[in-house]
Amino acid sequence: MSVYFPTARSRCKKRAPIIVSKEKGMEHIAKNENSCEVRHYKVDGELITSSETVKCDFLVLNDTVRTAYFIELKRGGQIGKAINQIEMTIGLLRNELPGYIHHCRVISKTSPAVYHSETIDYKKKCLKLKGSFVVCSKGTYTENI
């Protein structure tokens, strides 16, 4: 069963082999090597249009294995702000993604406080929920979804 967002269209084809979330000179590259059913949304301004709502930049869904990738592309190393944006987005979309495992990604070009207690605590929280949390400071992060 696929989640339906009536106000937004996916930015990729149903079985796209590569999904790229790109903004501010940073990018997240999701490889769909198993030809799963996938969707890609720009959250900020398209999926969630309110300018007053804190939200992350992109959402990639693998509907076949029921995983959701919440992606924040952060120009500076503001990890606390990025975590807040992802958390707020998860809170807003939680009811729309029943049974989906949440994977949180922060991509930056600067070195955020990866070993800061807030980062470590959030990573532990994600692991408890069977998800994952990755912070990448190289500007580009590629993974198999």
C-alpha atoms as a PDB file:
ATOM      1  CA  MET A   1       0.000   0.000   0.000  1.00  0.00           C
ATOM      2  CA  SER A   2       1.410   3.368  -1.032  1.00  0.00           C
ATOM      3  CA  VAL A   3       1.051   6.590   0.928  1.00  0.00           C
ATOM      4  CA  TYR A   4      -0.652   9.314  -1.047  1.00  0.00           C
ATOM      5  CA  PHE A   5       0.193  13.002  -0.733  1.00  0.00           C
ATOM      6  CA  PRO A   6      -2.608  14.753  -2.669  1.00  0.00           C
ATOM      7  CA  THR A   7      -0.921  18.169  -2.802  1.00  0.00           C
ATOM      8  CA  ALA A   8       2.428  17.080  -4.244  1.00  0.00           C
ATOM      9  CA  ARG A   9       3.798  15.024  -7.117  1.00  0.00           C
ATOM     10  CA  SER A  10       6.799  12.784  -6.841  1.00  0.00           C
ATOM     11  CA  ARG A  11       9.907  14.219  -8.503  1.00  0.00           C
ATOM     12  CA  CYS A  12      11.017  10.805  -9.770  1.00  0.00           C
ATOM     13  CA  LYS A  13       9.657   7.887 -11.764  1.00  0.00           C
ATOM     14  CA  LYS A  14       8.083   4.978  -9.911  1.00  0.00           C
ATOM     15  CA  ARG A  15      11.192   2.751 -10.152  1.00  0.00           C
ATOM     16  CA  ALA A  16      13.875   5.400 -10.692  1.00  0.00           C
ATOM     17  CA  PRO A  17      17.380   3.908 -10.409  1.00  0.00           C
ATOM     18  CA  ILE A  18      18.837   7.086  -8.874  1.00  0.00           C
ATOM     19  CA  ILE A  19      17.108   9.809  -6.856  1.00  0.00           C
ATOM     20  CA  VAL A  20      19.057  13.031  -6.285  1.00  0.00           C
ATOM     21  CA  SER A  21      18.110  15.608  -3.669  1.00  0.00           C
ATOM     22  CA  LYS A  22      20.191  18.692  -4.446  1.00  0.00           C
ATOM     23  CA  GLU A  23      20.261  22.202  -3.048  1.00  0.00           C
ATOM     24  CA  LYS A  24      22.729  24.805  -1.789  1.00  0.00           C
ATOM     25  CA  GLY A  25      25.649  22.959  -3.433  1.00  0.00           C
ATOM     26  CA  MET A  26      24.998  19.766  -1.448  1.00  0.00           C
ATOM     27  CA  GLU A  27      23.341  16.553  -2.480  1.00  0.00           C
ATOM     28  CA  HIS A  28      21.979  13.256  -1.264  1.00  0.00           C
ATOM     29  CA  ILE A  29      22.077  10.461  -3.852  1.00  0.00           C
ATOM     30  CA  ALA A  30      19.791   7.483  -3.287  1.00  0.00           C
ATOM     31  CA  LYS A  31      20.522   4.403  -5.414  1.00  0.00           C
ATOM     32  CA  ASN A  32      17.572   2.128  -6.094  1.00  0.00           C
ATOM     33  CA  GLU A  33      19.536  -0.929  -7.240  1.00  0.00           C
ATOM     34  CA  ASN A  34      16.633  -3.358  -6.672  1.00  0.00           C
ATOM     35  CA  SER A  35      14.148  -1.371  -8.787  1.00  0.00           C
ATOM     36  CA  CYS A  36      11.870  -0.816  -5.806  1.00  0.00           C
ATOM     37  CA  GLU A  37       8.861   1.489  -5.987  1.00  0.00           C
ATOM     38  CA  VAL A  38      10.171   4.879  -4.874  1.00  0.00           C
ATOM     39  CA  ARG A  39       9.010   8.467  -4.555  1.00  0.00           C
ATOM     40  CA  HIS A  40      10.839  11.750  -4.068  1.00  0.00           C
ATOM     41  CA  TYR A  41       9.407  14.965  -2.642  1.00  0.00           C
ATOM     42  CA  LYS A  42      10.678  18.460  -2.000  1.00  0.00           C
ATOM     43  CA  VAL A  43       9.268  18.956   1.484  1.00  0.00           C
ATOM     44  CA  ASP A  44      10.058  22.623   2.051  1.00  0.00           C
ATOM     45  CA  GLY A  45       7.663  24.613  -0.125  1.00  0.00           C
ATOM     46  CA  GLU A  46       5.992  21.729  -1.988  1.00  0.00           C
ATOM     47  CA  LEU A  47       4.889  18.900   0.300  1.00  0.00           C
ATOM     48  CA  ILE A  48       4.577  21.302   3.246  1.00  0.00           C
ATOM     49  CA  THR A  49       3.861  24.802   1.971  1.00  0.00           C
ATOM     50  CA  SER A  50       3.538  26.799   5.194  1.00  0.00           C
ATOM     51  CA  SER A  51       6.432  29.219   5.568  1.00  0.00           C
ATOM     52  CA  GLU A  52       5.865  29.240   9.341  1.00  0.00           C
ATOM     53  CA  THR A  53       6.386  25.494   9.713  1.00  0.00           C
ATOM     54  CA  VAL A  54       9.873  24.161  10.408  1.00  0.00           C
ATOM     55  CA  LYS A  55      10.630  21.277   8.028  1.00  0.00           C
ATOM     56  CA  CYS A  56      13.455  19.413   6.310  1.00  0.00           C
ATOM     57  CA  ASP A  57      14.348  19.806   2.636  1.00  0.00           C
ATOM     58  CA  PHE A  58      13.507  16.448   1.007  1.00  0.00           C
ATOM     59  CA  LEU A  59      11.760  13.130   1.568  1.00  0.00           C
ATOM     60  CA  VAL A  60      12.624   9.946  -0.308  1.00  0.00           C
ATOM     61  CA  LEU A  61      10.255   7.002   0.118  1.00  0.00           C
ATOM     62  CA  ASN A  62      10.961   3.392  -0.736  1.00  0.00           C
ATOM     63  CA  ASP A  63       7.416   2.024  -0.777  1.00  0.00           C
ATOM     64  CA  THR A  64       8.525  -1.553  -1.448  1.00  0.00           C
ATOM     65  CA  VAL A  65      10.461  -1.904   1.816  1.00  0.00           C
ATOM     66  CA  ARG A  66       8.587   0.911   3.632  1.00  0.00           C
ATOM     67  CA  THR A  67      11.482   3.210   4.442  1.00  0.00           C
ATOM     68  CA  ALA A  68      11.404   7.005   4.612  1.00  0.00           C
ATOM     69  CA  TYR A  69      14.532   9.140   4.230  1.00  0.00           C
ATOM     70  CA  PHE A  70      14.215  12.628   5.731  1.00  0.00           C
ATOM     71  CA  ILE A  71      16.968  14.776   4.216  1.00  0.00           C
ATOM     72  CA  GLU A  72      18.252  18.142   5.414  1.00  0.00           C
ATOM     73  CA  LEU A  73      20.888  19.887   3.303  1.00  0.00           C
ATOM     74  CA  LYS A  74      22.600  22.317   5.653  1.00  0.00           C
ATOM     75  CA  ARG A  75      24.980  25.006   4.414  1.00  0.00           C
ATOM     76  CA  GLY A  76      26.487  25.533   7.875  1.00  0.00           C
ATOM     77  CA  GLY A  77      27.203  22.992  10.571  1.00  0.00           C
ATOM     78  CA  GLN A  78      24.020  23.740  12.536  1.00  0.00           C
ATOM     79  CA  ILE A  79      23.295  20.162  13.557  1.00  0.00           C
ATOM     80  CA  GLY A  80      20.805  21.109  16.277  1.00  0.00           C
ATOM     81  CA  LYS A  81      18.720  23.101  13.818  1.00  0.00           C
ATOM     82  CA  ALA A  82      18.883  20.278  11.257  1.00  0.00           C
ATOM     83  CA  ILE A  83      17.729  17.717  13.849  1.00  0.00           C
ATOM     84  CA  ASN A  84      14.843  20.003  14.804  1.00  0.00           C
ATOM     85  CA  GLN A  85      13.794  20.398  11.157  1.00  0.00           C
ATOM     86  CA  ILE A  86      13.818  16.623  10.631  1.00  0.00           C
ATOM     87  CA  GLU A  87      11.978  15.961  13.909  1.00  0.00           C
ATOM     88  CA  MET A  88       9.272  18.503  13.059  1.00  0.00           C
ATOM     89  CA  THR A  89       8.809  16.969   9.603  1.00  0.00           C
ATOM     90  CA  ILE A  90       8.536  13.465  11.037  1.00  0.00           C
ATOM     91  CA  GLY A  91       5.949  14.744  13.505  1.00  0.00           C
ATOM     92  CA  LEU A  92       3.908  16.347  10.719  1.00  0.00           C
ATOM     93  CA  LEU A  93       4.044  13.296   8.416  1.00  0.00           C
ATOM     94  CA  ARG A  94       4.033  10.443  10.966  1.00  0.00           C
ATOM     95  CA  ASN A  95       0.336   9.630  10.402  1.00  0.00           C
ATOM     96  CA  GLU A  96       0.897   9.574   6.638  1.00  0.00           C
ATOM     97  CA  LEU A  97       3.712   7.015   6.925  1.00  0.00           C
ATOM     98  CA  PRO A  98       2.382   4.159   9.078  1.00  0.00           C
ATOM     99  CA  GLY A  99       4.819   1.266   9.264  1.00  0.00           C
ATOM    100  CA  TYR A 100       7.658   3.178   7.574  1.00  0.00           C
ATOM    101  CA  ILE A 101      11.102   3.095   9.171  1.00  0.00           C
ATOM    102  CA  HIS A 102      12.602   6.582   9.417  1.00  0.00           C
ATOM    103  CA  HIS A 103      16.147   7.295   8.263  1.00  0.00           C
ATOM    104  CA  CYS A 104      17.425  10.805   8.951  1.00  0.00           C
ATOM    105  CA  ARG A 105      20.173  12.440   6.900  1.00  0.00           C
ATOM    106  CA  VAL A 106      22.016  15.727   7.397  1.00  0.00           C
ATOM    107  CA  ILE A 107      24.338  16.697   4.554  1.00  0.00           C
ATOM    108  CA  SER A 108      26.674  19.647   5.044  1.00  0.00           C
ATOM    109  CA  LYS A 109      29.868  21.062   3.561  1.00  0.00           C
ATOM    110  CA  THR A 110      31.243  22.004   6.945  1.00  0.00           C
ATOM    111  CA  SER A 111      32.044  19.738   9.858  1.00  0.00           C
ATOM    112  CA  PRO A 112      29.054  19.783  12.153  1.00  0.00           C
ATOM    113  CA  ALA A 113      29.364  18.728  15.782  1.00  0.00           C
ATOM    114  CA  VAL A 114      29.162  15.007  15.012  1.00  0.00           C
ATOM    115  CA  TYR A 115      30.307  14.033  18.502  1.00  0.00           C
ATOM    116  CA  HIS A 116      28.155  16.596  20.302  1.00  0.00           C
ATOM    117  CA  SER A 117      25.856  15.042  22.927  1.00  0.00           C
ATOM    118  CA  GLU A 118      22.749  16.181  21.015  1.00  0.00           C
ATOM    119  CA  THR A 119      23.941  14.342  17.893  1.00  0.00           C
ATOM    120  CA  ILE A 120      24.811  11.184  19.823  1.00  0.00           C
ATOM    121  CA  ASP A 121      21.472  11.220  21.674  1.00  0.00           C
ATOM    122  CA  TYR A 122      19.539  11.630  18.426  1.00  0.00           C
ATOM    123  CA  LYS A 123      21.446   8.776  16.788  1.00  0.00           C
ATOM    124  CA  LYS A 124      20.552   6.520  19.750  1.00  0.00           C
ATOM    125  CA  LYS A 125      16.905   7.560  19.475  1.00  0.00           C
ATOM    126  CA  CYS A 126      16.842   6.657  15.766  1.00  0.00           C
ATOM    127  CA  LEU A 127      18.442   3.273  16.438  1.00  0.00           C
ATOM    128  CA  LYS A 128      15.840   2.470  19.112  1.00  0.00           C
ATOM    129  CA  LEU A 129      13.168   3.054  16.471  1.00  0.00           C
ATOM    130  CA  LYS A 130      15.025   0.737  14.035  1.00  0.00           C
ATOM    131  CA  GLY A 131      15.970   3.692  11.851  1.00  0.00           C
ATOM    132  CA  SER A 132      19.274   5.461  11.347  1.00  0.00           C
ATOM    133  CA  PHE A 133      20.839   8.907  11.561  1.00  0.00           C
ATOM    134  CA  VAL A 134      23.758   9.948   9.360  1.00  0.00           C
ATOM    135  CA  VAL A 135      25.628  13.247   9.315  1.00  0.00           C
ATOM    136  CA  CYS A 136      27.881  13.808   6.298  1.00  0.00           C
ATOM    137  CA  SER A 137      30.215  16.811   6.056  1.00  0.00           C
ATOM    138  CA  LYS A 138      31.541  16.140   2.548  1.00  0.00           C
ATOM    139  CA  GLY A 139      28.699  17.892   0.718  1.00  0.00           C
ATOM    140  CA  THR A 140      27.547  14.690  -1.012  1.00  0.00           C
ATOM    141  CA  TYR A 141      26.232  11.478   0.480  1.00  0.00           C
ATOM    142  CA  THR A 142      25.400   8.393  -1.582  1.00  0.00           C
ATOM    143  CA  GLU A 143      23.592   5.326  -0.292  1.00  0.00           C
ATOM    144  CA  ASN A 144      21.585   2.336  -1.431  1.00  0.00           C
ATOM    145  CA  ILE A 145      17.962   2.523  -0.451  1.00  0.00           C
END
